[in-house]
């Protein structure tokens, strides 16, 4: 049949001018999983955190992506304190599943907070976190870019202390006991007290800290005591025996503590005192 023939044109139908084509629409998201740490190393006594991020380079949205987070590696003195950020997380230090939706061109992050005790022991790569992309919504391809879908991070612990030593003198036999500290002198035969305060400003415990400060010659009858502050009472200090000094007292003595040893935890203090030191 010739559709252009004048006698046959009337036989054309609407179906002759129609066509159809079916096209499937796929979704694909180029995803990358990463873990970062807030600090490395962390000093015992300071906080730290891990942040796990899922980056979507598109072209499609990633809906309901699931990230399996392995159990956190937490040595003695380190604890998990909480998490916050995009999506939801079912689990804790023992690990769990993080579920999140990430639009194309966006990044979803969640932070996991840790606390380290001031007594936590030092160690290399002793704290760790790891995870992997475990599931996506049906029909979403995450392999188009070949970027990593698993990540891991480790952190070391180090010890850092900030020790401070302060000393002062007082003369209990005077009307103003602090006058000898101001005048920097004491009369022969007069009792005095010399106090040395050792403070650890942290953040870590100072284990087996020692102070060596020999007594000046000329002091007689020294009686020593060691008093930990409430913050350091769990670590009693020890004052070593001091040899008896010479009999004569210089005119402007600077008496010192004997050799002393002890331990001071974070922000704790230890006081060594010479009671009733007398000149001969």
Protein backbone atom coordinates (compact mmCIF):
# COMPACT_ATOMS: atom_id res chain seq x y z
CA UNK A 1 0.00 0.00 0.00
CA UNK A 2 1.25 3.40 -0.97
CA UNK A 3 0.20 5.89 1.72
CA UNK A 4 0.87 8.79 -0.66
CA UNK A 5 -1.49 7.51 -3.33
CA UNK A 6 -4.57 9.73 -3.38
CA UNK A 7 -6.93 6.78 -3.32
CA UNK A 8 -5.13 5.00 -0.45
CA UNK A 9 -4.37 7.93 1.95
CA UNK A 10 -7.66 7.47 3.79
CA UNK A 11 -6.51 4.04 5.01
CA UNK A 12 -3.69 5.44 7.40
CA UNK A 13 -4.40 5.05 11.12
CA UNK A 14 -3.15 6.82 14.31
CA UNK A 15 -1.11 3.75 15.21
CA UNK A 16 1.05 4.29 12.14
CA UNK A 17 2.36 7.58 13.69
CA UNK A 18 3.18 6.26 17.25
CA UNK A 19 6.24 4.54 18.79
CA UNK A 20 7.45 3.72 22.32
CA UNK A 21 10.76 3.04 24.12
CA UNK A 22 11.42 1.89 27.71
CA UNK A 23 14.55 3.15 29.57
CA UNK A 24 15.69 1.83 32.94
CA UNK A 25 16.96 4.40 35.51
CA UNK A 26 19.79 3.13 37.70
CA UNK A 27 21.08 4.79 40.88
CA UNK A 28 24.77 4.90 41.68
CA UNK A 29 26.67 6.62 44.49
CA UNK A 30 30.43 6.90 44.64
CA UNK A 31 30.95 6.46 48.40
CA UNK A 32 34.09 6.70 50.52
CA UNK A 33 34.38 5.79 54.20
CA UNK A 34 37.06 7.44 56.36
CA UNK A 35 37.98 7.70 60.06
CA UNK A 36 39.92 10.58 61.59
CA UNK A 37 41.24 11.16 65.13
CA UNK A 38 41.20 14.41 67.07
CA UNK A 39 44.76 13.99 68.35
CA UNK A 40 47.66 11.53 68.16
CA UNK A 41 49.18 10.88 70.58
CA UNK A 42 46.70 11.63 73.32
CA UNK A 43 48.12 12.52 76.73
CA UNK A 44 46.81 10.43 79.62
CA UNK A 45 44.14 12.52 81.34
CA UNK A 46 43.00 14.34 78.19
CA UNK A 47 39.89 13.58 76.08
CA UNK A 48 39.97 12.50 72.44
CA UNK A 49 37.52 11.50 69.70
CA UNK A 50 37.17 9.58 66.45
CA UNK A 51 35.06 10.90 63.57
CA UNK A 52 33.74 8.45 60.98
CA UNK A 53 32.65 10.07 57.70
CA UNK A 54 30.79 8.80 54.63
CA UNK A 55 31.39 10.95 51.55
CA UNK A 56 29.05 10.68 48.55
CA UNK A 57 30.51 11.89 45.25
CA UNK A 58 27.24 11.09 43.45
CA UNK A 59 25.67 11.10 41.04
CA UNK A 60 22.78 9.64 43.06
CA UNK A 61 21.72 9.98 46.68
CA UNK A 62 22.67 7.14 49.03
CA UNK A 63 19.62 6.38 51.13
CA UNK A 64 19.77 4.24 54.23
CA UNK A 65 23.46 3.42 53.98
CA UNK A 66 24.64 1.17 56.80
CA UNK A 67 28.15 1.20 58.25
CA UNK A 68 29.21 -1.67 60.49
CA UNK A 69 31.46 -0.33 63.25
CA UNK A 70 33.73 -2.86 64.92
CA UNK A 71 34.25 -2.92 68.67
CA UNK A 72 36.45 -0.05 69.77
CA UNK A 73 39.85 -1.10 71.09
CA UNK A 74 40.04 0.56 74.50
CA UNK A 75 42.97 -0.29 76.80
CA UNK A 76 42.92 0.13 80.56
CA UNK A 77 42.16 3.71 81.55
CA UNK A 78 40.27 4.58 78.32
CA UNK A 79 36.47 4.68 78.13
CA UNK A 80 33.74 5.47 75.59
CA UNK A 81 31.64 8.48 76.69
CA UNK A 82 29.15 8.99 73.85
CA UNK A 83 28.53 9.77 70.19
CA UNK A 84 26.72 12.44 68.16
CA UNK A 85 26.29 13.51 64.56
CA UNK A 86 24.50 12.55 61.36
CA UNK A 87 22.29 9.49 61.18
CA UNK A 88 21.72 7.02 63.98
CA UNK A 89 23.98 4.57 65.79
CA UNK A 90 22.92 1.43 67.61
CA UNK A 91 25.77 0.33 69.79
CA UNK A 92 28.53 1.66 71.99
CA UNK A 93 32.09 0.69 72.72
CA UNK A 94 31.18 -2.88 71.76
CA UNK A 95 30.46 -1.80 68.17
CA UNK A 96 27.23 -1.64 66.21
CA UNK A 97 25.57 -0.30 63.07
CA UNK A 98 25.43 3.29 61.95
CA UNK A 99 22.60 4.12 59.52
CA UNK A 100 22.69 7.33 57.49
CA UNK A 101 21.42 8.86 54.23
CA UNK A 102 23.89 10.95 52.23
CA UNK A 103 22.81 13.23 49.40
CA UNK A 104 24.93 13.40 46.27
CA UNK A 105 27.86 15.77 46.84
CA UNK A 106 27.48 15.68 50.63
CA UNK A 107 29.30 14.10 53.58
CA UNK A 108 27.72 12.61 56.70
CA UNK A 109 29.85 12.41 59.86
CA UNK A 110 29.47 11.06 63.38
CA UNK A 111 31.87 11.63 66.27
CA UNK A 112 32.69 9.11 69.01
CA UNK A 113 34.08 10.62 72.23
CA UNK A 114 36.60 8.90 74.50
CA UNK A 115 38.04 9.76 77.91
CA UNK A 116 41.50 8.78 79.11
CA UNK A 117 42.27 8.53 82.81
CA UNK A 118 45.26 10.43 84.16
CA UNK A 119 46.64 7.04 85.27
CA UNK A 120 46.31 5.41 81.81
CA UNK A 121 49.60 3.71 80.86
CA UNK A 122 51.56 4.84 77.83
CA UNK A 123 51.45 2.71 74.69
CA UNK A 124 51.83 2.86 70.91
CA UNK A 125 48.68 2.48 68.77
CA UNK A 126 46.77 1.06 71.73
CA UNK A 127 43.43 2.78 70.95
CA UNK A 128 41.71 1.81 67.70
CA UNK A 129 38.51 2.19 65.68
CA UNK A 130 37.48 0.52 62.41
CA UNK A 131 34.38 0.15 60.25
CA UNK A 132 33.11 -0.83 56.81
CA UNK A 133 30.16 -0.03 54.54
CA UNK A 134 27.85 -3.00 55.03
CA UNK A 135 24.60 -2.23 53.18
CA UNK A 136 22.83 0.21 50.85
CA UNK A 137 19.27 0.68 49.68
CA UNK A 138 18.31 -1.78 46.90
CA UNK A 139 19.55 -0.75 43.47
CA UNK A 140 22.29 1.62 44.67
CA UNK A 141 25.73 0.83 43.30
CA UNK A 142 28.62 2.01 45.50
CA UNK A 143 31.48 0.59 43.45
CA UNK A 144 31.47 3.03 40.53
CA UNK A 145 34.45 5.05 41.75
CA UNK A 146 36.50 2.37 43.43
CA UNK A 147 36.98 4.47 46.55
CA UNK A 148 37.53 2.67 49.89
CA UNK A 149 34.45 1.43 51.71
CA UNK A 150 36.34 0.50 54.90
CA UNK A 151 38.60 2.47 57.25
CA UNK A 152 40.62 2.13 60.44
CA UNK A 153 42.58 4.43 62.76
CA UNK A 154 44.87 3.91 65.76
CA UNK A 155 46.06 6.28 68.49
CA UNK A 156 48.96 6.21 70.95
CA UNK A 157 48.96 7.29 74.60
CA UNK A 158 51.79 9.34 76.09
CA UNK A 159 52.43 10.71 79.59
CA UNK A 160 52.79 14.45 80.14
CA UNK A 161 53.08 16.21 83.49
CA UNK A 162 53.52 19.84 84.48
CA UNK A 163 55.32 19.89 87.83
CA UNK A 164 55.46 23.03 89.95
CA UNK A 165 57.53 23.59 93.10
CA UNK A 166 56.88 26.43 95.54
CA UNK A 167 58.43 27.09 98.96
CA UNK A 168 57.93 29.47 101.87
CA UNK A 169 59.28 30.03 105.37
CA UNK A 170 57.51 30.94 108.60
CA UNK A 171 58.74 31.59 112.14
CA UNK A 172 56.17 30.43 114.71
CA UNK A 173 58.06 32.17 117.53
CA UNK A 174 57.41 35.66 116.11
CA UNK A 175 54.34 37.83 116.41
CA UNK A 176 54.09 37.65 112.63
CA UNK A 177 55.16 34.13 111.64
CA UNK A 178 55.53 35.15 107.99
CA UNK A 179 58.02 37.95 108.78
CA UNK A 180 61.06 35.71 108.34
CA UNK A 181 59.93 34.87 104.81
CA UNK A 182 59.71 38.60 104.01
CA UNK A 183 63.02 39.51 105.66
CA UNK A 184 64.72 36.33 104.43
CA UNK A 185 66.48 35.84 107.77
CA UNK A 186 66.08 34.10 111.11
CA UNK A 187 67.88 34.61 114.39
CA UNK A 188 70.14 31.86 115.78
CA UNK A 189 68.23 29.54 118.07
CA UNK A 190 64.85 30.62 116.74
CA UNK A 191 62.53 27.90 115.43
CA UNK A 192 61.22 28.15 111.92
CA UNK A 193 59.15 26.16 109.46
CA UNK A 194 60.17 25.68 105.83
CA UNK A 195 57.45 24.38 103.56
CA UNK A 196 57.90 23.05 100.03
CA UNK A 197 54.78 22.32 97.95
CA UNK A 198 55.08 20.13 94.85
CA UNK A 199 52.07 20.35 92.52
CA UNK A 200 51.33 18.37 89.39
CA UNK A 201 49.15 20.37 86.99
CA UNK A 202 48.64 17.33 84.78
CA UNK A 203 47.21 16.17 82.63
CA UNK A 204 48.84 12.82 83.55
CA UNK A 205 49.83 11.32 86.89
CA UNK A 206 53.46 11.84 87.90
CA UNK A 207 54.63 8.43 89.04
CA UNK A 208 57.64 8.20 91.37
CA UNK A 209 58.35 11.92 91.13
CA UNK A 210 61.30 12.98 93.29
CA UNK A 211 62.56 16.24 94.78
CA UNK A 212 66.18 16.70 95.85
CA UNK A 213 66.79 19.86 97.89
CA UNK A 214 69.45 19.47 100.64
CA UNK A 215 69.15 21.35 103.91
CA UNK A 216 71.48 24.29 104.48
CA UNK A 217 74.28 23.78 106.99
CA UNK A 218 73.79 25.25 110.44
CA UNK A 219 70.30 23.92 111.07
CA UNK A 220 69.77 21.65 114.04
CA UNK A 221 66.93 19.46 115.28
CA UNK A 222 65.03 19.22 112.02
CA UNK A 223 61.80 17.23 112.21
CA UNK A 224 60.22 16.33 108.89
CA UNK A 225 56.70 15.48 107.85
CA UNK A 226 55.07 14.71 104.49
CA UNK A 227 51.40 15.53 103.88
CA UNK A 228 49.72 14.62 100.57
CA UNK A 229 46.80 16.79 99.55
CA UNK A 230 43.35 15.20 99.21
CA UNK A 231 43.89 14.83 95.45
CA UNK A 232 47.08 12.84 95.99
CA UNK A 233 46.14 10.85 99.08
CA UNK A 234 45.98 7.66 97.05
CA UNK A 235 49.72 7.97 96.39
CA UNK A 236 51.48 8.62 99.71
CA UNK A 237 54.80 10.39 99.54
CA UNK A 238 57.96 9.27 101.28
CA UNK A 239 60.53 11.55 102.89
CA UNK A 240 64.03 10.16 103.06
CA UNK A 241 66.19 10.48 106.15
CA UNK A 242 68.15 13.72 106.25
CA UNK A 243 71.65 13.83 107.70
CA UNK A 244 72.12 16.07 110.72
CA UNK A 245 73.39 19.44 109.51
CA UNK A 246 76.29 21.41 110.98
CA UNK A 247 75.83 23.20 114.28
CA UNK A 248 76.23 26.85 113.22
CA UNK A 249 73.57 28.88 111.45
CA UNK A 250 74.54 31.50 108.82
CA UNK A 251 73.06 34.94 109.35
CA UNK A 252 70.74 34.71 106.34
CA UNK A 253 70.07 31.02 105.95
CA UNK A 254 68.06 29.47 103.12
CA UNK A 255 66.98 26.19 104.69
CA UNK A 256 65.86 23.53 102.24
CA UNK A 257 64.05 20.25 102.41
CA UNK A 258 65.92 16.98 102.66
CA UNK A 259 66.07 14.54 99.78
CA UNK A 260 62.46 13.52 99.25
CA UNK A 261 60.63 11.19 96.95
CA UNK A 262 57.00 10.57 96.24
CA UNK A 263 54.25 10.42 93.63
CA UNK A 264 51.76 13.09 92.70
CA UNK A 265 48.71 12.41 90.54
CA UNK A 266 47.15 14.92 88.21
CA UNK A 267 46.55 18.31 89.84
CA UNK A 268 47.61 16.88 93.18
CA UNK A 269 50.05 18.42 95.62
CA UNK A 270 52.56 17.15 98.15
CA UNK A 271 53.93 19.21 101.03
CA UNK A 272 57.24 18.59 102.77
CA UNK A 273 57.79 20.52 105.99
CA UNK A 274 60.69 21.11 108.33
CA UNK A 275 59.19 21.67 111.79
CA UNK A 276 61.09 23.55 114.52
CA UNK A 277 64.39 23.75 112.69
CA UNK A 278 66.82 25.48 115.07
CA UNK A 279 70.20 27.06 114.68
CA UNK A 280 72.98 25.80 116.91
